[in-house]
PDB file of N, CA and C in Angstrom:
ATOM      1  N   MET A   1     177.272 -97.738 -62.175  1.00  0.00           N
ATOM      2  CA  MET A   1     176.937 -96.765 -61.106  1.00  0.00           C
ATOM      3  C   MET A   1     177.423 -97.292 -59.700  1.00  0.00           C
ATOM      4  N   PHE A   2     177.740 -96.250 -58.719  1.00  0.00           N
ATOM      5  CA  PHE A   2     178.155 -96.880 -57.557  1.00  0.00           C
ATOM      6  C   PHE A   2     177.092 -96.425 -56.540  1.00  0.00           C
ATOM      7  N   ILE A   3     176.795 -97.438 -55.632  1.00  0.00           N
ATOM      8  CA  ILE A   3     176.113 -97.516 -54.567  1.00  0.00           C
ATOM      9  C   ILE A   3     176.951 -97.217 -52.967  1.00  0.00           C
ATOM     10  N   ALA A   4     176.653 -96.419 -52.201  1.00  0.00           N
ATOM     11  CA  ALA A   4     177.245 -96.534 -51.026  1.00  0.00           C
ATOM     12  C   ALA A   4     176.299 -97.068 -50.010  1.00  0.00           C
ATOM     13  N   VAL A   5     177.029 -97.901 -49.143  1.00  0.00           N
ATOM     14  CA  VAL A   5     176.146 -98.442 -47.729  1.00  0.00           C
ATOM     15  C   VAL A   5     177.034 -98.315 -46.566  1.00  0.00           C
ATOM     16  N   PRO A   6     176.708 -97.699 -45.539  1.00  0.00           N
ATOM     17  CA  PRO A   6     177.402 -97.882 -44.119  1.00  0.00           C
ATOM     18  C   PRO A   6     177.196 -99.256 -43.957  1.00  0.00           C
ATOM     19  N   VAL A   7     178.570 -99.786 -43.521  1.00  0.00           N
ATOM     20  CA  VAL A   7     178.438-101.119 -43.081  1.00  0.00           C
ATOM     21  C   VAL A   7     179.476-101.478 -41.799  1.00  0.00           C
ATOM     22  N   ASP A   8     179.250-102.392 -40.979  1.00  0.00           N
ATOM     23  CA  ASP A   8     180.167-102.742 -39.777  1.00  0.00           C
ATOM     24  C   ASP A   8     181.184-103.245 -39.907  1.00  0.00           C
ATOM     25  N   ASP A   9     181.514-104.136 -41.173  1.00  0.00           N
ATOM     26  CA  ASP A   9     182.955-104.610 -41.437  1.00  0.00           C
ATOM     27  C   ASP A   9     183.231-104.630 -42.880  1.00  0.00           C
ATOM     28  N   LYS A  10     184.488-104.992 -43.377  1.00  0.00           N
ATOM     29  CA  LYS A  10     184.508-105.063 -44.505  1.00  0.00           C
ATOM     30  C   LYS A  10     184.609-106.396 -45.209  1.00  0.00           C
ATOM     31  N   SER A  11     183.070-106.813 -45.123  1.00  0.00           N
ATOM     32  CA  SER A  11     182.421-108.065 -45.950  1.00  0.00           C
ATOM     33  C   SER A  11     181.228-107.874 -46.348  1.00  0.00           C
ATOM     34  N   MET A  12     180.878-108.565 -47.645  1.00  0.00           N
ATOM     35  CA  MET A  12     179.749-108.649 -47.983  1.00  0.00           C
ATOM     36  C   MET A  12     178.699-109.275 -47.180  1.00  0.00           C
ATOM     37  N   GLU A  13     179.371-110.142 -46.230  1.00  0.00           N
ATOM     38  CA  GLU A  13     178.562-110.724 -45.189  1.00  0.00           C
ATOM     39  C   GLU A  13     178.123-110.025 -43.908  1.00  0.00           C
ATOM     40  N   SER A  14     178.916-108.688 -43.816  1.00  0.00           N
ATOM     41  CA  SER A  14     178.532-107.826 -42.901  1.00  0.00           C
ATOM     42  C   SER A  14     177.021-107.324 -42.800  1.00  0.00           C
ATOM     43  N   LYS A  15     176.878-106.536 -41.721  1.00  0.00           N
ATOM     44  CA  LYS A  15     175.418-105.969 -41.952  1.00  0.00           C
ATOM     45  C   LYS A  15     175.553-104.440 -42.187  1.00  0.00           C
ATOM     46  N   VAL A  16     174.514-103.870 -42.647  1.00  0.00           N
ATOM     47  CA  VAL A  16     174.410-102.539 -42.569  1.00  0.00           C
ATOM     48  C   VAL A  16     174.477-101.791 -41.091  1.00  0.00           C
ATOM     49  N   CYS A  17     175.288-101.013 -41.186  1.00  0.00           N
ATOM     50  CA  CYS A  17     175.290-100.186 -39.998  1.00  0.00           C
ATOM     51  C   CYS A  17     174.268 -99.240 -39.680  1.00  0.00           C
ATOM     52  N   VAL A  18     173.720 -99.353 -38.439  1.00  0.00           N
ATOM     53  CA  VAL A  18     172.449 -98.414 -37.985  1.00  0.00           C
ATOM     54  C   VAL A  18     172.839 -96.875 -37.832  1.00  0.00           C
ATOM     55  N   SER A  19     174.048 -96.710 -38.002  1.00  0.00           N
ATOM     56  CA  SER A  19     174.668 -95.030 -37.659  1.00  0.00           C
ATOM     57  C   SER A  19     175.302 -94.970 -39.265  1.00  0.00           C
ATOM     58  N   PHE A  20     174.793 -93.911 -39.760  1.00  0.00           N
ATOM     59  CA  PHE A  20     175.591 -93.485 -41.154  1.00  0.00           C
ATOM     60  C   PHE A  20     176.838 -92.699 -40.507  1.00  0.00           C
ATOM     61  N   GLY A  21     176.992 -91.526 -40.123  1.00  0.00           N
ATOM     62  CA  GLY A  21     178.299 -90.863 -39.754  1.00  0.00           C
ATOM     63  C   GLY A  21     179.185 -91.679 -38.751  1.00  0.00           C
ATOM     64  N   ARG A  22     178.788 -92.737 -38.156  1.00  0.00           N
ATOM     65  CA  ARG A  22     179.478 -93.400 -37.175  1.00  0.00           C
ATOM     66  C   ARG A  22     179.869 -94.829 -37.620  1.00  0.00           C
ATOM     67  N   ALA A  23     179.359 -94.983 -38.817  1.00  0.00           N
ATOM     68  CA  ALA A  23     179.652 -96.579 -39.533  1.00  0.00           C
ATOM     69  C   ALA A  23     181.260 -96.438 -39.498  1.00  0.00           C
ATOM     70  N   PRO A  24     181.778 -97.683 -39.272  1.00  0.00           N
ATOM     71  CA  PRO A  24     183.266 -97.800 -39.521  1.00  0.00           C
ATOM     72  C   PRO A  24     183.751 -97.812 -40.965  1.00  0.00           C
ATOM     73  N   TYR A  25     182.715 -98.316 -42.072  1.00  0.00           N
ATOM     74  CA  TYR A  25     183.331 -98.426 -43.249  1.00  0.00           C
ATOM     75  C   TYR A  25     182.164 -98.295 -44.104  1.00  0.00           C
ATOM     76  N   PHE A  26     182.313 -97.945 -45.324  1.00  0.00           N
ATOM     77  CA  PHE A  26     181.410 -97.576 -46.358  1.00  0.00           C
ATOM     78  C   PHE A  26     181.571 -98.471 -47.520  1.00  0.00           C
ATOM     79  N   LEU A  27     180.513 -99.275 -47.866  1.00  0.00           N
ATOM     80  CA  LEU A  27     180.572-100.357 -48.841  1.00  0.00           C
ATOM     81  C   LEU A  27     180.391 -99.104 -50.261  1.00  0.00           C
ATOM     82  N   ILE A  28     181.127 -99.417 -51.324  1.00  0.00           N
ATOM     83  CA  ILE A  28     181.225 -98.780 -52.554  1.00  0.00           C
ATOM     84  C   ILE A  28     180.709 -99.996 -53.717  1.00  0.00           C
ATOM     85  N   TYR A  29     179.454-100.112 -53.984  1.00  0.00           N
ATOM     86  CA  TYR A  29     179.297-101.221 -55.016  1.00  0.00           C
ATOM     87  C   TYR A  29     179.017-100.823 -56.208  1.00  0.00           C
ATOM     88  N   ASP A  30     179.712-101.378 -57.317  1.00  0.00           N
ATOM     89  CA  ASP A  30     179.597-100.949 -58.605  1.00  0.00           C
ATOM     90  C   ASP A  30     178.499-101.928 -59.308  1.00  0.00           C
ATOM     91  N   THR A  31     177.389-101.260 -59.687  1.00  0.00           N
ATOM     92  CA  THR A  31     176.156-102.041 -60.327  1.00  0.00           C
ATOM     93  C   THR A  31     176.485-102.615 -61.458  1.00  0.00           C
ATOM     94  N   ASP A  32     177.408-102.129 -62.350  1.00  0.00           N
ATOM     95  CA  ASP A  32     177.860-102.612 -63.501  1.00  0.00           C
ATOM     96  C   ASP A  32     178.829-103.733 -63.439  1.00  0.00           C
ATOM     97  N   SER A  33     179.802-103.838 -62.667  1.00  0.00           N
ATOM     98  CA  SER A  33     180.569-104.955 -62.442  1.00  0.00           C
ATOM     99  C   SER A  33     180.366-105.772 -61.239  1.00  0.00           C
ATOM    100  N   GLY A  34     179.467-105.325 -60.434  1.00  0.00           N
ATOM    101  CA  GLY A  34     179.352-106.281 -59.212  1.00  0.00           C
ATOM    102  C   GLY A  34     180.571-106.158 -58.242  1.00  0.00           C
ATOM    103  N   LYS A  35     181.607-105.502 -58.546  1.00  0.00           N
ATOM    104  CA  LYS A  35     182.422-105.058 -57.625  1.00  0.00           C
ATOM    105  C   LYS A  35     182.271-104.319 -56.376  1.00  0.00           C
ATOM    106  N   ALA A  36     182.861-104.918 -55.330  1.00  0.00           N
ATOM    107  CA  ALA A  36     182.620-104.425 -53.951  1.00  0.00           C
ATOM    108  C   ALA A  36     183.785-103.905 -53.446  1.00  0.00           C
ATOM    109  N   ASP A  37     183.880-102.770 -53.011  1.00  0.00           N
ATOM    110  CA  ASP A  37     185.251-102.081 -52.271  1.00  0.00           C
ATOM    111  C   ASP A  37     184.625-101.447 -51.072  1.00  0.00           C
ATOM    112  N   PHE A  38     185.531-101.600 -49.972  1.00  0.00           N
ATOM    113  CA  PHE A  38     185.322-101.036 -48.718  1.00  0.00           C
ATOM    114  C   PHE A  38     186.420 -99.989 -48.609  1.00  0.00           C
ATOM    115  N   ILE A  39     185.728 -98.844 -47.945  1.00  0.00           N
ATOM    116  CA  ILE A  39     186.435 -97.681 -47.504  1.00  0.00           C
ATOM    117  C   ILE A  39     186.518 -97.404 -46.099  1.00  0.00           C
ATOM    118  N   ASP A  40     187.398 -97.089 -45.384  1.00  0.00           N
ATOM    119  CA  ASP A  40     187.355 -96.554 -44.289  1.00  0.00           C
ATOM    120  C   ASP A  40     186.454 -95.386 -43.941  1.00  0.00           C
ATOM    121  N   ASN A  41     185.756 -95.138 -43.058  1.00  0.00           N
ATOM    122  CA  ASN A  41     185.157 -93.953 -42.677  1.00  0.00           C
ATOM    123  C   ASN A  41     185.920 -93.077 -41.531  1.00  0.00           C
ATOM    124  N   ALA A  42     186.847 -92.260 -42.078  1.00  0.00           N
ATOM    125  CA  ALA A  42     187.685 -91.581 -41.000  1.00  0.00           C
ATOM    126  C   ALA A  42     186.740 -90.638 -40.033  1.00  0.00           C
ATOM    127  N   ALA A  43     185.541 -90.563 -40.600  1.00  0.00           N
ATOM    128  CA  ALA A  43     184.642 -89.475 -39.420  1.00  0.00           C
ATOM    129  C   ALA A  43     184.270 -90.600 -38.263  1.00  0.00           C
ATOM    130  N   ALA A  44     184.169 -91.623 -38.370  1.00  0.00           N
ATOM    131  CA  ALA A  44     183.644 -92.487 -37.035  1.00  0.00           C
ATOM    132  C   ALA A  44     184.166 -92.071 -35.832  1.00  0.00           C
ATOM    133  N   ALA A  45     185.538 -91.944 -35.851  1.00  0.00           N
ATOM    134  CA  ALA A  45     185.942 -91.371 -34.468  1.00  0.00           C
ATOM    135  C   ALA A  45     185.934 -89.981 -34.325  1.00  0.00           C
ATOM    136  N   SER A  46     185.458 -88.930 -35.144  1.00  0.00           N
ATOM    137  CA  SER A  46     185.563 -87.858 -34.944  1.00  0.00           C
ATOM    138  C   SER A  46     184.798 -87.132 -33.656  1.00  0.00           C
ATOM    139  N   GLN A  47     185.275 -86.138 -33.084  1.00  0.00           N
ATOM    140  CA  GLN A  47     184.440 -85.499 -31.963  1.00  0.00           C
ATOM    141  C   GLN A  47     183.326 -84.934 -32.190  1.00  0.00           C
ATOM    142  N   GLY A  48     183.304 -84.212 -33.375  1.00  0.00           N
ATOM    143  CA  GLY A  48     182.073 -84.026 -33.954  1.00  0.00           C
ATOM    144  C   GLY A  48     182.003 -83.565 -35.320  1.00  0.00           C
ATOM    145  N   GLY A  49     180.424 -83.396 -35.977  1.00  0.00           N
ATOM    146  CA  GLY A  49     180.567 -83.348 -37.374  1.00  0.00           C
ATOM    147  C   GLY A  49     180.745 -84.658 -37.947  1.00  0.00           C
ATOM    148  N   ALA A  50     180.367 -85.917 -37.417  1.00  0.00           N
ATOM    149  CA  ALA A  50     180.788 -87.037 -38.014  1.00  0.00           C
ATOM    150  C   ALA A  50     179.979 -87.287 -39.401  1.00  0.00           C
ATOM    151  N   GLY A  51     178.602 -86.875 -39.214  1.00  0.00           N
ATOM    152  CA  GLY A  51     177.611 -86.960 -40.498  1.00  0.00           C
ATOM    153  C   GLY A  51     178.342 -86.202 -41.613  1.00  0.00           C
ATOM    154  N   ILE A  52     178.805 -84.973 -41.332  1.00  0.00           N
ATOM    155  CA  ILE A  52     179.117 -84.168 -42.491  1.00  0.00           C
ATOM    156  C   ILE A  52     180.361 -84.964 -43.048  1.00  0.00           C
ATOM    157  N   LYS A  53     181.261 -85.341 -42.426  1.00  0.00           N
ATOM    158  CA  LYS A  53     182.517 -85.730 -42.778  1.00  0.00           C
ATOM    159  C   LYS A  53     182.108 -86.954 -43.476  1.00  0.00           C
ATOM    160  N   ALA A  54     181.171 -88.125 -42.960  1.00  0.00           N
ATOM    161  CA  ALA A  54     180.980 -89.249 -43.622  1.00  0.00           C
ATOM    162  C   ALA A  54     180.151 -88.852 -44.988  1.00  0.00           C
ATOM    163  N   ALA A  55     179.441 -87.926 -45.037  1.00  0.00           N
ATOM    164  CA  ALA A  55     178.853 -87.664 -46.449  1.00  0.00           C
ATOM    165  C   ALA A  55     179.797 -87.256 -47.324  1.00  0.00           C
ATOM    166  N   GLN A  56     180.785 -86.316 -46.953  1.00  0.00           N
ATOM    167  CA  GLN A  56     181.774 -85.941 -47.858  1.00  0.00           C
ATOM    168  C   GLN A  56     182.422 -87.107 -48.329  1.00  0.00           C
ATOM    169  N   THR A  57     182.509 -88.038 -47.501  1.00  0.00           N
ATOM    170  CA  THR A  57     183.425 -89.490 -47.948  1.00  0.00           C
ATOM    171  C   THR A  57     182.715 -90.201 -48.943  1.00  0.00           C
ATOM    172  N   VAL A  58     181.408 -90.295 -48.787  1.00  0.00           N
ATOM    173  CA  VAL A  58     180.308 -90.696 -49.811  1.00  0.00           C
ATOM    174  C   VAL A  58     180.528 -89.944 -51.062  1.00  0.00           C
ATOM    175  N   VAL A  59     180.324 -88.532 -51.104  1.00  0.00           N
ATOM    176  CA  VAL A  59     180.630 -87.828 -52.388  1.00  0.00           C
ATOM    177  C   VAL A  59     181.724 -88.156 -52.904  1.00  0.00           C
ATOM    178  N   ASP A  60     182.747 -88.202 -52.267  1.00  0.00           N
ATOM    179  CA  ASP A  60     184.093 -88.402 -52.738  1.00  0.00           C
ATOM    180  C   ASP A  60     184.192 -89.587 -53.523  1.00  0.00           C
ATOM    181  N   SER A  61     183.383 -90.600 -52.901  1.00  0.00           N
ATOM    182  CA  SER A  61     183.336 -92.195 -53.707  1.00  0.00           C
ATOM    183  C   SER A  61     182.733 -91.940 -55.126  1.00  0.00           C
ATOM    184  N   GLN A  62     182.198 -91.124 -55.217  1.00  0.00           N
ATOM    185  CA  GLN A  62     181.325 -90.934 -56.588  1.00  0.00           C
ATOM    186  C   GLN A  62     180.079 -91.811 -56.801  1.00  0.00           C
ATOM    187  N   ALA A  63     179.551 -92.195 -55.489  1.00  0.00           N
ATOM    188  CA  ALA A  63     178.515 -92.877 -55.372  1.00  0.00           C
ATOM    189  C   ALA A  63     177.235 -91.945 -56.021  1.00  0.00           C
ATOM    190  N   LYS A  64     176.208 -92.677 -56.578  1.00  0.00           N
ATOM    191  CA  LYS A  64     175.162 -91.878 -57.059  1.00  0.00           C
ATOM    192  C   LYS A  64     173.892 -92.094 -56.213  1.00  0.00           C
ATOM    193  N   VAL A  65     174.119 -93.301 -55.273  1.00  0.00           N
ATOM    194  CA  VAL A  65     172.844 -93.646 -54.612  1.00  0.00           C
ATOM    195  C   VAL A  65     173.661 -94.041 -53.243  1.00  0.00           C
ATOM    196  N   LEU A  66     172.858 -93.749 -52.217  1.00  0.00           N
ATOM    197  CA  LEU A  66     173.167 -94.163 -50.693  1.00  0.00           C
ATOM    198  C   LEU A  66     172.016 -94.645 -50.175  1.00  0.00           C
ATOM    199  N   LEU A  67     172.289 -96.111 -49.355  1.00  0.00           N
ATOM    200  CA  LEU A  67     171.279 -97.043 -48.822  1.00  0.00           C
ATOM    201  C   LEU A  67     171.814 -96.935 -47.363  1.00  0.00           C
ATOM    202  N   THR A  68     170.896 -96.503 -46.659  1.00  0.00           N
ATOM    203  CA  THR A  68     171.057 -96.388 -45.241  1.00  0.00           C
ATOM    204  C   THR A  68     169.626 -96.206 -44.486  1.00  0.00           C
ATOM    205  N   PRO A  69     169.900 -96.750 -43.245  1.00  0.00           N
ATOM    206  CA  PRO A  69     168.619 -96.901 -42.243  1.00  0.00           C
ATOM    207  C   PRO A  69     168.199 -95.501 -41.953  1.00  0.00           C
ATOM    208  N   ARG A  70     168.998 -94.598 -41.529  1.00  0.00           N
ATOM    209  CA  ARG A  70     168.877 -93.272 -41.292  1.00  0.00           C
ATOM    210  C   ARG A  70     169.958 -92.301 -41.715  1.00  0.00           C
ATOM    211  N   CYS A  71     169.611 -90.879 -41.599  1.00  0.00           N
ATOM    212  CA  CYS A  71     170.812 -89.939 -41.993  1.00  0.00           C
ATOM    213  C   CYS A  71     170.328 -88.699 -41.050  1.00  0.00           C
ATOM    214  N   GLY A  72     171.095 -88.090 -40.834  1.00  0.00           N
ATOM    215  CA  GLY A  72     171.080 -86.868 -39.944  1.00  0.00           C
ATOM    216  C   GLY A  72     170.883 -85.681 -41.042  1.00  0.00           C
ATOM    217  N   GLU A  73     170.224 -84.520 -40.541  1.00  0.00           N
ATOM    218  CA  GLU A  73     169.996 -83.413 -41.416  1.00  0.00           C
ATOM    219  C   GLU A  73     170.992 -82.909 -42.154  1.00  0.00           C
ATOM    220  N   ASN A  74     172.133 -82.589 -41.397  1.00  0.00           N
ATOM    221  CA  ASN A  74     173.440 -82.142 -41.747  1.00  0.00           C
ATOM    222  C   ASN A  74     173.990 -82.661 -42.748  1.00  0.00           C
ATOM    223  N   ALA A  75     174.266 -84.014 -42.751  1.00  0.00           N
ATOM    224  CA  ALA A  75     174.721 -85.163 -43.657  1.00  0.00           C
ATOM    225  C   ALA A  75     173.868 -85.220 -44.708  1.00  0.00           C
ATOM    226  N   ALA A  76     172.541 -85.230 -44.496  1.00  0.00           N
ATOM    227  CA  ALA A  76     171.372 -85.245 -45.781  1.00  0.00           C
ATOM    228  C   ALA A  76     171.814 -84.134 -46.560  1.00  0.00           C
ATOM    229  N   GLN A  77     172.022 -82.686 -45.937  1.00  0.00           N
ATOM    230  CA  GLN A  77     172.109 -81.608 -47.005  1.00  0.00           C
ATOM    231  C   GLN A  77     173.267 -81.828 -47.904  1.00  0.00           C
ATOM    232  N   VAL A  78     174.394 -82.338 -47.308  1.00  0.00           N
ATOM    233  CA  VAL A  78     175.736 -82.680 -48.142  1.00  0.00           C
ATOM    234  C   VAL A  78     175.124 -83.592 -49.362  1.00  0.00           C
ATOM    235  N   ILE A  79     174.630 -84.646 -48.664  1.00  0.00           N
ATOM    236  CA  ILE A  79     174.363 -85.654 -49.910  1.00  0.00           C
ATOM    237  C   ILE A  79     173.376 -85.214 -50.784  1.00  0.00           C
ATOM    238  N   ASP A  80     172.434 -84.715 -50.574  1.00  0.00           N
ATOM    239  CA  ASP A  80     171.353 -83.908 -51.401  1.00  0.00           C
ATOM    240  C   ASP A  80     171.986 -82.814 -52.395  1.00  0.00           C
ATOM    241  N   ALA A  81     172.793 -81.961 -51.795  1.00  0.00           N
ATOM    242  CA  ALA A  81     173.669 -81.088 -52.736  1.00  0.00           C
ATOM    243  C   ALA A  81     174.517 -81.606 -53.825  1.00  0.00           C
ATOM    244  N   ALA A  82     174.555 -82.920 -53.463  1.00  0.00           N
ATOM    245  CA  ALA A  82     175.759 -83.714 -54.400  1.00  0.00           C
ATOM    246  C   ALA A  82     174.867 -84.443 -55.465  1.00  0.00           C
ATOM    247  N   GLY A  83     173.587 -84.432 -55.426  1.00  0.00           N
ATOM    248  CA  GLY A  83     172.683 -84.903 -56.257  1.00  0.00           C
ATOM    249  C   GLY A  83     172.661 -86.714 -56.267  1.00  0.00           C
ATOM    250  N   ILE A  84     173.157 -87.026 -54.688  1.00  0.00           N
ATOM    251  CA  ILE A  84     173.031 -88.565 -54.493  1.00  0.00           C
ATOM    252  C   ILE A  84     171.589 -88.519 -54.015  1.00  0.00           C
ATOM    253  N   LYS A  85     170.966 -89.802 -54.552  1.00  0.00           N
ATOM    254  CA  LYS A  85     169.604 -90.261 -54.165  1.00  0.00           C
ATOM    255  C   LYS A  85     169.836 -91.134 -52.954  1.00  0.00           C
ATOM    256  N   MET A  86     168.986 -90.762 -51.764  1.00  0.00           N
ATOM    257  CA  MET A  86     168.914 -91.706 -50.614  1.00  0.00           C
ATOM    258  C   MET A  86     167.635 -92.550 -50.388  1.00  0.00           C
ATOM    259  N   PHE A  87     168.174 -93.791 -50.258  1.00  0.00           N
ATOM    260  CA  PHE A  87     167.094 -94.931 -49.860  1.00  0.00           C
ATOM    261  C   PHE A  87     167.169 -95.604 -48.784  1.00  0.00           C
ATOM    262  N   LYS A  88     166.053 -95.750 -47.982  1.00  0.00           N
ATOM    263  CA  LYS A  88     165.929 -96.241 -46.756  1.00  0.00           C
ATOM    264  C   LYS A  88     165.968 -98.213 -46.892  1.00  0.00           C
ATOM    265  N   THR A  89     167.090 -98.338 -45.944  1.00  0.00           N
ATOM    266  CA  THR A  89     167.294-100.078 -46.070  1.00  0.00           C
ATOM    267  C   THR A  89     166.251-100.603 -45.474  1.00  0.00           C
ATOM    268  N   ILE A  90     165.987-101.732 -45.667  1.00  0.00           N
ATOM    269  CA  ILE A  90     164.629-102.901 -45.422  1.00  0.00           C
ATOM    270  C   ILE A  90     165.208-103.785 -44.079  1.00  0.00           C
ATOM    271  N   ASN A  91     166.343-104.003 -44.224  1.00  0.00           N
ATOM    272  CA  ASN A  91     166.988-105.032 -43.259  1.00  0.00           C
ATOM    273  C   ASN A  91     168.421-104.798 -42.911  1.00  0.00           C
ATOM    274  N   ASP A  92     169.216-105.586 -42.397  1.00  0.00           N
ATOM    275  CA  ASP A  92     170.459-105.312 -42.011  1.00  0.00           C
ATOM    276  C   ASP A  92     171.480-106.186 -43.127  1.00  0.00           C
ATOM    277  N   SER A  93     170.864-106.743 -43.815  1.00  0.00           N
ATOM    278  CA  SER A  93     171.618-107.489 -45.195  1.00  0.00           C
ATOM    279  C   SER A  93     172.287-106.787 -46.220  1.00  0.00           C
ATOM    280  N   ILE A  94     173.417-106.666 -46.615  1.00  0.00           N
ATOM    281  CA  ILE A  94     173.910-105.916 -47.554  1.00  0.00           C
ATOM    282  C   ILE A  94     173.358-106.186 -48.989  1.00  0.00           C
ATOM    283  N   GLN A  95     173.535-107.394 -49.122  1.00  0.00           N
ATOM    284  CA  GLN A  95     172.647-108.100 -50.357  1.00  0.00           C
ATOM    285  C   GLN A  95     171.361-107.841 -50.561  1.00  0.00           C
ATOM    286  N   ASP A  96     170.754-107.960 -49.537  1.00  0.00           N
ATOM    287  CA  ASP A  96     169.147-107.692 -49.543  1.00  0.00           C
ATOM    288  C   ASP A  96     168.788-106.545 -49.908  1.00  0.00           C
ATOM    289  N   ASN A  97     169.613-105.558 -49.373  1.00  0.00           N
ATOM    290  CA  ASN A  97     169.409-104.136 -49.831  1.00  0.00           C
ATOM    291  C   ASN A  97     169.607-103.568 -51.337  1.00  0.00           C
ATOM    292  N   ILE A  98     170.777-104.280 -51.799  1.00  0.00           N
ATOM    293  CA  ILE A  98     171.294-103.882 -52.993  1.00  0.00           C
ATOM    294  C   ILE A  98     170.284-104.453 -54.059  1.00  0.00           C
ATOM    295  N   ASN A  99     169.882-105.850 -53.686  1.00  0.00           N
ATOM    296  CA  ASN A  99     168.799-106.339 -54.564  1.00  0.00           C
ATOM    297  C   ASN A  99     167.474-105.534 -54.536  1.00  0.00           C
ATOM    298  N   ALA A 100     167.067-105.330 -53.422  1.00  0.00           N
ATOM    299  CA  ALA A 100     165.813-104.375 -53.307  1.00  0.00           C
ATOM    300  C   ALA A 100     166.034-103.220 -54.039  1.00  0.00           C
ATOM    301  N   TYR A 101     167.217-102.663 -53.869  1.00  0.00           N
ATOM    302  CA  TYR A 101     167.249-101.315 -54.666  1.00  0.00           C
ATOM    303  C   TYR A 101     167.306-101.516 -56.205  1.00  0.00           C
ATOM    304  N   LYS A 102     167.904-102.549 -56.754  1.00  0.00           N
ATOM    305  CA  LYS A 102     167.911-102.849 -58.030  1.00  0.00           C
ATOM    306  C   LYS A 102     166.556-103.404 -58.562  1.00  0.00           C
ATOM    307  N   GLU A 103     165.876-103.561 -57.912  1.00  0.00           N
ATOM    308  CA  GLU A 103     164.427-104.065 -58.183  1.00  0.00           C
ATOM    309  C   GLU A 103     163.183-103.005 -57.815  1.00  0.00           C
ATOM    310  N   GLY A 104     163.698-101.950 -57.231  1.00  0.00           N
ATOM    311  CA  GLY A 104     162.719-100.781 -57.109  1.00  0.00           C
ATOM    312  C   GLY A 104     162.097-100.816 -55.914  1.00  0.00           C
ATOM    313  N   ARG A 105     162.474-101.632 -54.932  1.00  0.00           N
ATOM    314  CA  ARG A 105     161.728-101.899 -53.764  1.00  0.00           C
ATOM    315  C   ARG A 105     162.090-101.236 -52.454  1.00  0.00           C
ATOM    316  N   LEU A 106     163.042-100.264 -52.608  1.00  0.00           N
ATOM    317  CA  LEU A 106     163.319 -99.313 -51.606  1.00  0.00           C
ATOM    318  C   LEU A 106     162.685 -98.018 -51.625  1.00  0.00           C
ATOM    319  N   SER A 107     162.384 -97.632 -50.634  1.00  0.00           N
ATOM    320  CA  SER A 107     161.685 -96.271 -50.331  1.00  0.00           C
ATOM    321  C   SER A 107     162.671 -95.320 -50.319  1.00  0.00           C
ATOM    322  N   PRO A 108     162.444 -94.038 -50.892  1.00  0.00           N
ATOM    323  CA  PRO A 108     163.193 -93.004 -50.597  1.00  0.00           C
ATOM    324  C   PRO A 108     163.354 -92.536 -49.150  1.00  0.00           C
ATOM    325  N   LEU A 109     164.389 -92.221 -48.576  1.00  0.00           N
ATOM    326  CA  LEU A 109     164.680 -91.968 -47.230  1.00  0.00           C
ATOM    327  C   LEU A 109     164.223 -90.557 -46.918  1.00  0.00           C
ATOM    328  N   ASP A 110     162.993 -90.322 -46.433  1.00  0.00           N
ATOM    329  CA  ASP A 110     162.590 -89.059 -46.179  1.00  0.00           C
ATOM    330  C   ASP A 110     162.524 -88.568 -44.920  1.00  0.00           C
ATOM    331  N   ASP A 111     162.604 -89.540 -43.924  1.00  0.00           N
ATOM    332  CA  ASP A 111     162.665 -89.486 -42.641  1.00  0.00           C
ATOM    333  C   ASP A 111     164.030 -89.048 -42.035  1.00  0.00           C
ATOM    334  N   ILE A 112     164.274 -87.667 -42.138  1.00  0.00           N
ATOM    335  CA  ILE A 112     165.688 -87.173 -41.856  1.00  0.00           C
ATOM    336  C   ILE A 112     165.714 -86.609 -40.146  1.00  0.00           C
ATOM    337  N   HIS A 113     166.418 -87.262 -39.469  1.00  0.00           N
ATOM    338  CA  HIS A 113     166.584 -86.941 -37.979  1.00  0.00           C
ATOM    339  C   HIS A 113     167.409 -85.685 -37.870  1.00  0.00           C
ATOM    340  N   PRO A 114     167.249 -84.915 -36.699  1.00  0.00           N
ATOM    341  CA  PRO A 114     167.989 -83.646 -36.544  1.00  0.00           C
ATOM    342  C   PRO A 114     169.765 -84.094 -36.273  1.00  0.00           C
ATOM    343  N   GLY A 115     170.173 -85.295 -36.231  1.00  0.00           N
ATOM    344  CA  GLY A 115     171.444 -85.701 -36.037  1.00  0.00           C
ATOM    345  C   GLY A 115     171.681 -85.609 -34.305  1.00  0.00           C
ATOM    346  N   PHE A 116     172.757 -86.209 -33.962  1.00  0.00           N
ATOM    347  CA  PHE A 116     173.151 -86.558 -32.606  1.00  0.00           C
ATOM    348  C   PHE A 116     174.088 -85.605 -31.916  1.00  0.00           C
ATOM    349  N   HIS A 117     174.704 -84.936 -32.860  1.00  0.00           N
ATOM    350  CA  HIS A 117     175.350 -83.487 -32.167  1.00  0.00           C
ATOM    351  C   HIS A 117     176.125 -83.673 -30.918  1.00  0.00           C
ATOM    352  N   GLY A 118     176.991 -84.597 -31.189  1.00  0.00           N
ATOM    353  CA  GLY A 118     178.028 -84.548 -29.999  1.00  0.00           C
ATOM    354  C   GLY A 118     177.550 -85.522 -29.197  1.00  0.00           C
ATOM    355  N   GLN A 119     176.598 -86.511 -29.503  1.00  0.00           N
ATOM    356  CA  GLN A 119     176.062 -87.322 -28.454  1.00  0.00           C
ATOM    357  C   GLN A 119     176.695 -88.929 -28.787  1.00  0.00           C
ATOM    358  N   GLY A 120     177.524 -89.075 -29.829  1.00  0.00           N
ATOM    359  CA  GLY A 120     178.194 -90.192 -30.259  1.00  0.00           C
ATOM    360  C   GLY A 120     177.366 -91.105 -30.948  1.00  0.00           C
ATOM    361  N   GLY A 121     176.256 -90.916 -31.442  1.00  0.00           N
ATOM    362  CA  GLY A 121     175.458 -91.883 -32.046  1.00  0.00           C
ATOM    363  C   GLY A 121     174.593 -93.027 -31.680  1.00  0.00           C
ATOM    364  N   LYS A 122     174.565 -93.823 -32.624  1.00  0.00           N
ATOM    365  CA  LYS A 122     173.794 -95.516 -31.806  1.00  0.00           C
ATOM    366  C   LYS A 122     172.879 -95.064 -31.014  1.00  0.00           C
TER     367      LYS A 122
END
């Protein structure tokens, strides 16, 4: 199964990005093999609609789970429609959050914000 995580850099030592739609990259982590792939988030530089575009990138990655500190309502609708489960990260460590998910220690991300809508995120 694939897990998607918005990250600041293409490294497992990177941090979870606080902004889902404007994250520079997404980590796609394969829980079966332990393989980590990083994909560019083309939506990061978008003038508008970054959350929706980023959500589509996650959907296209075939992830079944998204670990993120927050998510806007438009992006959340795309993620939800694709059947991807969202969980709230506990800190900024990628590995801590993957381990916490595997151990069932992450809470579902229920606190969906209205989005930044042209305000540039962060």
